[in-house]
Protein backbone atom coordinates (compact mmCIF):
# COMPACT_ATOMS: atom_id res chain seq x y z
CA MET A 1 -33.61 63.63 60.70
CA LYS A 2 -31.72 61.63 63.32
CA TRP A 3 -34.55 59.14 63.74
CA MET A 4 -34.70 58.65 59.93
CA PHE A 5 -30.97 57.97 59.81
CA ALA A 6 -31.26 55.57 62.77
CA SER A 7 -34.18 53.73 61.15
CA LEU A 8 -32.23 53.39 57.87
CA VAL A 9 -29.25 51.98 59.76
CA VAL A 10 -31.52 49.50 61.57
CA LEU A 11 -33.11 48.52 58.25
CA LEU A 12 -29.68 48.05 56.68
CA VAL A 13 -28.57 45.85 59.59
CA LEU A 14 -31.72 43.73 59.34
CA LEU A 15 -31.28 43.25 55.59
CA GLN A 16 -27.60 42.39 56.01
CA ALA A 17 -28.45 39.89 58.75
CA ARG A 18 -30.90 38.17 56.45
CA LEU A 19 -28.27 38.09 53.70
CA TRP A 20 -25.66 36.38 55.87
CA VAL A 21 -27.88 34.19 58.09
CA GLY A 22 -31.31 32.72 57.58
CA ASP A 23 -33.34 31.36 54.69
CA GLY A 24 -31.72 32.08 51.35
CA SER A 25 -28.52 33.35 52.93
CA LEU A 26 -25.18 33.13 51.18
CA ALA A 27 -24.04 30.41 53.59
CA GLU A 28 -27.11 28.30 52.83
CA ILE A 29 -26.66 28.76 49.08
CA ALA A 30 -23.02 27.64 49.34
CA ARG A 31 -24.05 24.58 51.38
CA LEU A 32 -26.74 23.68 48.85
CA GLU A 33 -24.29 24.04 45.96
CA ARG A 34 -21.83 21.67 47.68
CA SER A 35 -24.67 19.23 48.29
CA LEU A 36 -25.72 19.49 44.65
CA GLU A 37 -22.17 18.77 43.44
CA ARG A 38 -21.94 15.69 45.68
CA GLN A 39 -25.31 14.43 44.45
CA GLN A 40 -24.34 14.98 40.80
CA LEU A 41 -21.15 12.96 41.37
CA ILE A 42 -23.16 10.14 42.96
CA ASN A 43 -25.67 10.26 40.11
CA SER A 44 -22.97 10.04 37.43
CA HIS A 45 -21.37 7.08 39.24
CA ASP A 46 -24.76 5.35 39.48
CA ALA A 47 -25.50 6.07 35.80
CA LYS A 48 -22.21 4.39 34.79
CA ARG A 49 -23.01 1.42 37.02
CA ASN A 50 -26.52 1.15 35.56
CA LYS A 51 -25.13 1.23 32.01
CA THR A 52 -22.70 -1.58 32.88
CA LEU A 53 -25.53 -3.64 34.35
CA GLU A 54 -27.70 -3.02 31.27
CA ILE A 55 -24.90 -4.27 29.03
CA GLU A 56 -24.41 -7.34 31.24
CA ILE A 57 -28.15 -8.09 31.23
CA ALA A 58 -28.27 -7.80 27.44
CA HIS A 59 -25.24 -10.10 27.16
CA LEU A 60 -26.82 -12.68 29.47
CA SER A 61 -30.16 -12.49 27.66
CA LYS A 62 -28.64 -13.37 24.28
CA GLY A 63 -28.06 -17.01 25.09
CA LEU A 64 -26.16 -19.57 27.08
CA GLY A 65 -22.74 -18.25 26.04
CA GLY A 66 -22.98 -15.29 28.36
CA ILE A 67 -24.24 -17.40 31.23
CA GLU A 68 -21.45 -19.92 30.70
CA GLU A 69 -18.85 -17.15 30.63
CA LEU A 70 -20.20 -15.69 33.87
CA ALA A 71 -20.20 -19.12 35.56
CA ARG A 72 -16.60 -19.72 34.48
CA GLU A 73 -15.34 -16.33 35.66
CA ASP A 74 -17.26 -15.93 38.90
CA MET A 75 -17.69 -19.52 40.08
CA GLY A 76 -14.71 -21.26 38.51
CA MET A 77 -16.95 -23.80 36.79
CA ILE A 78 -15.62 -26.06 34.07
CA GLN A 79 -17.40 -28.25 31.56
CA GLU A 80 -17.44 -31.99 31.72
CA GLY A 81 -14.34 -33.44 30.10
CA GLU A 82 -12.24 -30.30 30.65
CA THR A 83 -9.14 -30.30 32.84
CA PHE A 84 -8.56 -27.48 35.28
CA TYR A 85 -5.01 -26.26 35.82
CA LEU A 86 -4.11 -23.83 38.59
CA VAL A 87 -0.86 -21.99 37.96
CA VAL A 88 0.67 -20.63 41.16
CA ASP A 89 3.39 -18.00 41.08
CA SER A 90 6.26 -19.11 43.33
CA ARG A 91 6.76 -15.55 44.62
CA SER A 92 3.18 -15.23 45.81
CA ALA A 93 3.13 -18.78 47.27
CA SER A 94 6.06 -18.04 49.62
CA ARG A 95 4.28 -15.14 51.36
């Protein structure tokens, strides 16, 4: 009877050890869940960025208006015959 009790205790210890450490342990499951949450956050950020890029591509594909707008905003380009005025705030110029 004593050896059966001892073997059950050993079996219980082995099963508990596997539950807390090793493959499929609670610690590993928690780590994988944190990793999954981080990856889902990255994926949602990338999905928003992709949607923005798709909209920009569609806008640029429609014609020269989108390309002209992009050139004006990003490169400061102006058309021939236009006058460029740069307004400087006196508070920011004194820094």
